[in-house]
């Protein structure tokens, strides 16, 4: 690995760290999560409601929605 590749890797890691820190700071820890998914109506597990404050979808529906948004953005 040459010096330019090492610097590129370090920059990519720094950018990722900053992006994650900003995303973490934006999470409203006091947001109330839905008890049932707005898409499928299934119960959202308590562990997810605690881990993702303010969630409105179960993990499966959220994953599908994110995939759809990525396809639409491409």
PDB file of N, CA and C in Angstrom:
ATOM      1  N   UNK A   1       0.860  -1.170   0.000  1.00  0.00           N
ATOM      2  CA  UNK A   1       0.000   0.000   0.000  1.00  0.00           C
ATOM      3  C   UNK A   1       0.910   1.238   0.000  1.00  0.00           C
ATOM      4  N   UNK A   2       0.684   2.126  -0.953  1.00  0.00           N
ATOM      5  CA  UNK A   2       1.526   3.321  -1.009  1.00  0.00           C
ATOM      6  C   UNK A   2       0.957   4.427  -0.118  1.00  0.00           C
ATOM      7  N   UNK A   3       1.703   5.505   0.035  1.00  0.00           N
ATOM      8  CA  UNK A   3       1.333   6.591   0.938  1.00  0.00           C
ATOM      9  C   UNK A   3      -0.016   7.201   0.560  1.00  0.00           C
ATOM     10  N   UNK A   4      -0.282   7.382  -0.737  1.00  0.00           N
ATOM     11  CA  UNK A   4      -1.554   7.965  -1.177  1.00  0.00           C
ATOM     12  C   UNK A   4      -2.727   7.081  -0.771  1.00  0.00           C
ATOM     13  N   UNK A   5      -2.585   5.772  -0.898  1.00  0.00           N
ATOM     14  CA  UNK A   5      -3.649   4.847  -0.505  1.00  0.00           C
ATOM     15  C   UNK A   5      -3.882   4.891   0.999  1.00  0.00           C
ATOM     16  N   UNK A   6      -2.795   4.993   1.762  1.00  0.00           N
ATOM     17  CA  UNK A   6      -2.922   5.075   3.223  1.00  0.00           C
ATOM     18  C   UNK A   6      -3.661   6.343   3.619  1.00  0.00           C
ATOM     19  N   UNK A   7      -3.324   7.455   2.979  1.00  0.00           N
ATOM     20  CA  UNK A   7      -3.991   8.732   3.272  1.00  0.00           C
ATOM     21  C   UNK A   7      -5.459   8.667   2.868  1.00  0.00           C
ATOM     22  N   UNK A   8      -5.756   8.089   1.699  1.00  0.00           N
ATOM     23  CA  UNK A   8      -7.144   7.942   1.255  1.00  0.00           C
ATOM     24  C   UNK A   8      -7.951   7.111   2.249  1.00  0.00           C
ATOM     25  N   UNK A   9      -7.367   6.017   2.715  1.00  0.00           N
ATOM     26  CA  UNK A   9      -8.035   5.149   3.690  1.00  0.00           C
ATOM     27  C   UNK A   9      -8.283   5.900   4.997  1.00  0.00           C
ATOM     28  N   UNK A  10      -7.291   6.651   5.457  1.00  0.00           N
ATOM     29  CA  UNK A  10      -7.444   7.428   6.692  1.00  0.00           C
ATOM     30  C   UNK A  10      -8.538   8.479   6.538  1.00  0.00           C
ATOM     31  N   UNK A  11      -8.581   9.138   5.397  1.00  0.00           N
ATOM     32  CA  UNK A  11      -9.624  10.138   5.142  1.00  0.00           C
ATOM     33  C   UNK A  11     -11.007   9.507   5.101  1.00  0.00           C
ATOM     34  N   UNK A  12     -11.114   8.344   4.477  1.00  0.00           N
ATOM     35  CA  UNK A  12     -12.403   7.653   4.399  1.00  0.00           C
ATOM     36  C   UNK A  12     -12.875   7.259   5.791  1.00  0.00           C
ATOM     37  N   UNK A  13     -11.965   6.767   6.613  1.00  0.00           N
ATOM     38  CA  UNK A  13     -12.331   6.387   7.984  1.00  0.00           C
ATOM     39  C   UNK A  13     -12.738   7.604   8.807  1.00  0.00           C
ATOM     40  N   UNK A  14     -12.024   8.705   8.647  1.00  0.00           N
ATOM     41  CA  UNK A  14     -12.354   9.927   9.374  1.00  0.00           C
ATOM     42  C   UNK A  14     -13.727  10.442   8.962  1.00  0.00           C
ATOM     43  N   UNK A  15     -14.006  10.423   7.663  1.00  0.00           N
ATOM     44  CA  UNK A  15     -15.307  10.874   7.163  1.00  0.00           C
ATOM     45  C   UNK A  15     -16.427   9.995   7.714  1.00  0.00           C
ATOM     46  N   UNK A  16     -16.212   8.689   7.733  1.00  0.00           N
ATOM     47  CA  UNK A  16     -17.206   7.765   8.273  1.00  0.00           C
ATOM     48  C   UNK A  16     -17.455   8.049   9.752  1.00  0.00           C
ATOM     49  N   UNK A  17     -16.382   8.253  10.511  1.00  0.00           N
ATOM     50  CA  UNK A  17     -16.507   8.527  11.940  1.00  0.00           C
ATOM     51  C   UNK A  17     -17.302   9.812  12.184  1.00  0.00           C
ATOM     52  N   UNK A  18     -17.011  10.838  11.418  1.00  0.00           N
ATOM     53  CA  UNK A  18     -17.732  12.109  11.559  1.00  0.00           C
ATOM     54  C   UNK A  18     -19.196  11.939  11.183  1.00  0.00           C
ATOM     55  N   UNK A  19     -19.467  11.235  10.092  1.00  0.00           N
ATOM     56  CA  UNK A  19     -20.846  10.997   9.654  1.00  0.00           C
ATOM     57  C   UNK A  19     -21.643  10.252  10.724  1.00  0.00           C
ATOM     58  N   UNK A  20     -21.029   9.238  11.313  1.00  0.00           N
ATOM     59  CA  UNK A  20     -21.712   8.464  12.358  1.00  0.00           C
ATOM     60  C   UNK A  20     -21.939   9.314  13.615  1.00  0.00           C
ATOM     61  N   UNK A  21     -20.986  10.155  13.965  1.00  0.00           N
ATOM     62  CA  UNK A  21     -21.136  11.024  15.133  1.00  0.00           C
ATOM     63  C   UNK A  21     -22.273  12.014  14.929  1.00  0.00           C
ATOM     64  N   UNK A  22     -22.376  12.573  13.726  1.00  0.00           N
ATOM     65  CA  UNK A  22     -23.462  13.505  13.423  1.00  0.00           C
ATOM     66  C   UNK A  22     -24.808  12.785  13.474  1.00  0.00           C
ATOM     67  N   UNK A  23     -24.885  11.618  12.878  1.00  0.00           N
ATOM     68  CA  UNK A  23     -26.134  10.846  12.892  1.00  0.00           C
ATOM     69  C   UNK A  23     -26.534  10.502  14.325  1.00  0.00           C
ATOM     70  N   UNK A  24     -25.578  10.126  15.134  1.00  0.00           N
ATOM     71  CA  UNK A  24     -25.852   9.780  16.525  1.00  0.00           C
ATOM     72  C   UNK A  24     -26.346  10.999  17.300  1.00  0.00           C
ATOM     73  N   UNK A  25     -25.777  12.155  17.027  1.00  0.00           N
ATOM     74  CA  UNK A  25     -26.182  13.374  17.724  1.00  0.00           C
ATOM     75  C   UNK A  25     -27.591  13.806  17.331  1.00  0.00           C
ATOM     76  N   UNK A  26     -28.010  13.456  16.115  1.00  0.00           N
ATOM     77  CA  UNK A  26     -29.339  13.854  15.634  1.00  0.00           C
ATOM     78  C   UNK A  26     -30.463  12.979  16.168  1.00  0.00           C
ATOM     79  N   UNK A  27     -30.130  11.829  16.752  1.00  0.00           N
ATOM     80  CA  UNK A  27     -31.158  10.937  17.275  1.00  0.00           C
ATOM     81  C   UNK A  27     -31.808  11.578  18.489  1.00  0.00           C
ATOM     82  N   UNK A  28     -33.099  11.706  18.451  1.00  0.00           N
ATOM     83  CA  UNK A  28     -33.840  12.239  19.598  1.00  0.00           C
ATOM     84  C   UNK A  28     -34.106  11.082  20.550  1.00  0.00           C
ATOM     85  N   UNK A  29     -33.328  11.006  21.597  1.00  0.00           N
ATOM     86  CA  UNK A  29     -33.420   9.894  22.553  1.00  0.00           C
ATOM     87  C   UNK A  29     -34.745   9.885  23.303  1.00  0.00           C
ATOM     88  N   UNK A  30     -35.486  10.982  23.252  1.00  0.00           N
ATOM     89  CA  UNK A  30     -36.770  11.066  23.954  1.00  0.00           C
ATOM     90  C   UNK A  30     -37.960  10.835  23.034  1.00  0.00           C
ATOM     91  N   UNK A  31     -37.699  10.572  21.759  1.00  0.00           N
ATOM     92  CA  UNK A  31     -38.785  10.344  20.809  1.00  0.00           C
ATOM     93  C   UNK A  31     -39.548   9.077  21.175  1.00  0.00           C
ATOM     94  N   UNK A  32     -40.827   9.126  20.991  1.00  0.00           N
ATOM     95  CA  UNK A  32     -41.681   7.982  21.316  1.00  0.00           C
ATOM     96  C   UNK A  32     -41.838   7.121  20.072  1.00  0.00           C
ATOM     97  N   UNK A  33     -41.515   5.850  20.211  1.00  0.00           N
ATOM     98  CA  UNK A  33     -41.648   4.908  19.105  1.00  0.00           C
ATOM     99  C   UNK A  33     -43.074   4.389  19.020  1.00  0.00           C
ATOM    100  N   UNK A  34     -43.484   4.046  17.817  1.00  0.00           N
ATOM    101  CA  UNK A  34     -44.794   3.429  17.621  1.00  0.00           C
ATOM    102  C   UNK A  34     -44.754   2.004  18.179  1.00  0.00           C
ATOM    103  N   UNK A  35     -45.881   1.522  18.636  1.00  0.00           N
ATOM    104  CA  UNK A  35     -45.932   0.140  19.127  1.00  0.00           C
ATOM    105  C   UNK A  35     -46.188  -0.833  17.990  1.00  0.00           C
ATOM    106  N   UNK A  36     -46.825  -0.326  16.919  1.00  0.00           N
ATOM    107  CA  UNK A  36     -47.137  -1.167  15.769  1.00  0.00           C
ATOM    108  C   UNK A  36     -46.630  -0.495  14.493  1.00  0.00           C
ATOM    109  N   UNK A  37     -46.173  -1.295  13.557  1.00  0.00           N
ATOM    110  CA  UNK A  37     -45.614  -0.826  12.295  1.00  0.00           C
ATOM    111  C   UNK A  37     -46.686  -0.116  11.468  1.00  0.00           C
ATOM    112  N   UNK A  38     -46.338   1.062  10.929  1.00  0.00           N
ATOM    113  CA  UNK A  38     -47.288   1.808  10.106  1.00  0.00           C
ATOM    114  C   UNK A  38     -47.496   1.166   8.745  1.00  0.00           C
ATOM    115  N   UNK A  39     -46.599   0.277   8.336  1.00  0.00           N
ATOM    116  CA  UNK A  39     -46.724  -0.383   7.043  1.00  0.00           C
ATOM    117  C   UNK A  39     -47.529  -1.680   7.126  1.00  0.00           C
ATOM    118  N   UNK A  40     -47.120  -2.572   8.020  1.00  0.00           N
ATOM    119  CA  UNK A  40     -47.740  -3.906   8.061  1.00  0.00           C
ATOM    120  C   UNK A  40     -48.656  -4.115   9.270  1.00  0.00           C
ATOM    121  N   UNK A  41     -48.582  -3.238  10.252  1.00  0.00           N
ATOM    122  CA  UNK A  41     -49.446  -3.343  11.422  1.00  0.00           C
ATOM    123  C   UNK A  41     -48.959  -4.300  12.499  1.00  0.00           C
ATOM    124  N   UNK A  42     -47.832  -4.959  12.239  1.00  0.00           N
ATOM    125  CA  UNK A  42     -47.298  -5.898  13.240  1.00  0.00           C
ATOM    126  C   UNK A  42     -46.704  -5.145  14.426  1.00  0.00           C
ATOM    127  N   UNK A  43     -46.664  -5.816  15.563  1.00  0.00           N
ATOM    128  CA  UNK A  43     -46.074  -5.260  16.771  1.00  0.00           C
ATOM    129  C   UNK A  43     -44.575  -5.028  16.547  1.00  0.00           C
ATOM    130  N   UNK A  44     -44.084  -3.840  16.915  1.00  0.00           N
ATOM    131  CA  UNK A  44     -42.651  -3.556  16.838  1.00  0.00           C
ATOM    132  C   UNK A  44     -42.050  -4.032  18.153  1.00  0.00           C
ATOM    133  N   UNK A  45     -41.067  -4.935  18.100  1.00  0.00           N
ATOM    134  CA  UNK A  45     -40.478  -5.466  19.333  1.00  0.00           C
ATOM    135  C   UNK A  45     -39.922  -4.348  20.225  1.00  0.00           C
ATOM    136  N   UNK A  46     -40.048  -4.550  21.527  1.00  0.00           N
ATOM    137  CA  UNK A  46     -39.584  -3.543  22.482  1.00  0.00           C
ATOM    138  C   UNK A  46     -38.102  -3.222  22.295  1.00  0.00           C
ATOM    139  N   UNK A  47     -37.305  -4.239  22.000  1.00  0.00           N
ATOM    140  CA  UNK A  47     -35.869  -4.013  21.807  1.00  0.00           C
ATOM    141  C   UNK A  47     -35.626  -3.010  20.675  1.00  0.00           C
ATOM    142  N   UNK A  48     -36.386  -3.097  19.588  1.00  0.00           N
ATOM    143  CA  UNK A  48     -36.243  -2.155  18.475  1.00  0.00           C
ATOM    144  C   UNK A  48     -36.715  -0.773  18.884  1.00  0.00           C
ATOM    145  N   UNK A  49     -37.824  -0.691  19.609  1.00  0.00           N
ATOM    146  CA  UNK A  49     -38.344   0.604  20.041  1.00  0.00           C
ATOM    147  C   UNK A  49     -37.337   1.325  20.942  1.00  0.00           C
ATOM    148  N   UNK A  50     -36.599   0.556  21.737  1.00  0.00           N
ATOM    149  CA  UNK A  50     -35.583   1.146  22.614  1.00  0.00           C
ATOM    150  C   UNK A  50     -34.337   1.530  21.812  1.00  0.00           C
ATOM    151  N   UNK A  51     -33.918   0.647  20.916  1.00  0.00           N
ATOM    152  CA  UNK A  51     -32.692   0.873  20.139  1.00  0.00           C
ATOM    153  C   UNK A  51     -32.849   1.999  19.114  1.00  0.00           C
ATOM    154  N   UNK A  52     -34.071   2.173  18.580  1.00  0.00           N
ATOM    155  CA  UNK A  52     -34.317   3.180  17.537  1.00  0.00           C
ATOM    156  C   UNK A  52     -35.455   4.087  18.000  1.00  0.00           C
ATOM    157  N   UNK A  53     -35.140   5.051  18.873  1.00  0.00           N
ATOM    158  CA  UNK A  53     -36.191   5.942  19.377  1.00  0.00           C
ATOM    159  C   UNK A  53     -36.933   6.630  18.232  1.00  0.00           C
ATOM    160  N   UNK A  54     -38.243   6.650  18.314  1.00  0.00           N
ATOM    161  CA  UNK A  54     -39.059   7.299  17.297  1.00  0.00           C
ATOM    162  C   UNK A  54     -39.361   6.444  16.086  1.00  0.00           C
ATOM    163  N   UNK A  55     -38.995   5.160  16.138  1.00  0.00           N
ATOM    164  CA  UNK A  55     -39.251   4.306  14.966  1.00  0.00           C
ATOM    165  C   UNK A  55     -40.752   4.146  14.746  1.00  0.00           C
ATOM    166  N   UNK A  56     -41.119   4.008  13.487  1.00  0.00           N
ATOM    167  CA  UNK A  56     -42.526   3.837  13.129  1.00  0.00           C
ATOM    168  C   UNK A  56     -42.762   2.560  12.330  1.00  0.00           C
ATOM    169  N   UNK A  57     -41.666   1.880  11.967  1.00  0.00           N
ATOM    170  CA  UNK A  57     -41.769   0.649  11.178  1.00  0.00           C
ATOM    171  C   UNK A  57     -40.988  -0.473  11.834  1.00  0.00           C
ATOM    172  N   UNK A  58     -41.441  -1.694  11.605  1.00  0.00           N
ATOM    173  CA  UNK A  58     -40.676  -2.854  12.050  1.00  0.00           C
ATOM    174  C   UNK A  58     -39.402  -2.924  11.209  1.00  0.00           C
ATOM    175  N   UNK A  59     -38.454  -3.703  11.630  1.00  0.00           N
ATOM    176  CA  UNK A  59     -37.168  -3.786  10.934  1.00  0.00           C
ATOM    177  C   UNK A  59     -37.327  -4.265   9.491  1.00  0.00           C
ATOM    178  N   UNK A  60     -38.224  -5.226   9.270  1.00  0.00           N
ATOM    179  CA  UNK A  60     -38.416  -5.752   7.912  1.00  0.00           C
ATOM    180  C   UNK A  60     -38.952  -4.676   6.972  1.00  0.00           C
ATOM    181  N   UNK A  61     -39.986  -3.951   7.403  1.00  0.00           N
ATOM    182  CA  UNK A  61     -40.570  -2.909   6.550  1.00  0.00           C
ATOM    183  C   UNK A  61     -39.598  -1.756   6.344  1.00  0.00           C
ATOM    184  N   UNK A  62     -38.822  -1.424   7.366  1.00  0.00           N
ATOM    185  CA  UNK A  62     -37.833  -0.352   7.238  1.00  0.00           C
ATOM    186  C   UNK A  62     -36.771  -0.735   6.213  1.00  0.00           C
ATOM    187  N   UNK A  63     -36.343  -1.985   6.245  1.00  0.00           N
ATOM    188  CA  UNK A  63     -35.343  -2.458   5.279  1.00  0.00           C
ATOM    189  C   UNK A  63     -35.891  -2.371   3.854  1.00  0.00           C
ATOM    190  N   UNK A  64     -37.138  -2.784   3.676  1.00  0.00           N
ATOM    191  CA  UNK A  64     -37.765  -2.721   2.350  1.00  0.00           C
ATOM    192  C   UNK A  64     -37.863  -1.274   1.884  1.00  0.00           C
ATOM    193  N   UNK A  65     -38.275  -0.369   2.775  1.00  0.00           N
ATOM    194  CA  UNK A  65     -38.405   1.044   2.420  1.00  0.00           C
ATOM    195  C   UNK A  65     -37.060   1.642   2.043  1.00  0.00           C
ATOM    196  N   UNK A  66     -36.006   1.268   2.764  1.00  0.00           N
ATOM    197  CA  UNK A  66     -34.676   1.781   2.450  1.00  0.00           C
ATOM    198  C   UNK A  66     -34.192   1.254   1.096  1.00  0.00           C
ATOM    199  N   UNK A  67     -34.474  -0.011   0.813  1.00  0.00           N
ATOM    200  CA  UNK A  67     -34.088  -0.552  -0.504  1.00  0.00           C
ATOM    201  C   UNK A  67     -34.816   0.161  -1.623  1.00  0.00           C
ATOM    202  N   UNK A  68     -36.110   0.426  -1.428  1.00  0.00           N
ATOM    203  CA  UNK A  68     -36.893   1.123  -2.440  1.00  0.00           C
ATOM    204  C   UNK A  68     -36.374   2.536  -2.659  1.00  0.00           C
ATOM    205  N   UNK A  69     -35.989   3.212  -1.575  1.00  0.00           N
ATOM    206  CA  UNK A  69     -35.501   4.588  -1.716  1.00  0.00           C
ATOM    207  C   UNK A  69     -34.147   4.624  -2.428  1.00  0.00           C
ATOM    208  N   UNK A  70     -33.324   3.592  -2.215  1.00  0.00           N
ATOM    209  CA  UNK A  70     -32.030   3.526  -2.900  1.00  0.00           C
ATOM    210  C   UNK A  70     -32.225   3.289  -4.390  1.00  0.00           C
ATOM    211  N   UNK A  71     -33.192   2.444  -4.745  1.00  0.00           N
ATOM    212  CA  UNK A  71     -33.468   2.167  -6.147  1.00  0.00           C
ATOM    213  C   UNK A  71     -34.024   3.416  -6.820  1.00  0.00           C
ATOM    214  N   UNK A  72     -34.901   4.139  -6.119  1.00  0.00           N
ATOM    215  CA  UNK A  72     -35.473   5.363  -6.666  1.00  0.00           C
ATOM    216  C   UNK A  72     -34.456   6.466  -6.825  1.00  0.00           C
ATOM    217  N   UNK A  73     -33.439   6.475  -5.956  1.00  0.00           N
ATOM    218  CA  UNK A  73     -32.423   7.533  -6.010  1.00  0.00           C
ATOM    219  C   UNK A  73     -31.360   7.242  -7.075  1.00  0.00           C
ATOM    220  N   UNK A  74     -31.294   6.018  -7.535  1.00  0.00           N
ATOM    221  CA  UNK A  74     -30.249   5.645  -8.514  1.00  0.00           C
ATOM    222  C   UNK A  74     -30.581   6.085  -9.914  1.00  0.00           C
TER     223      UNK A  74
END
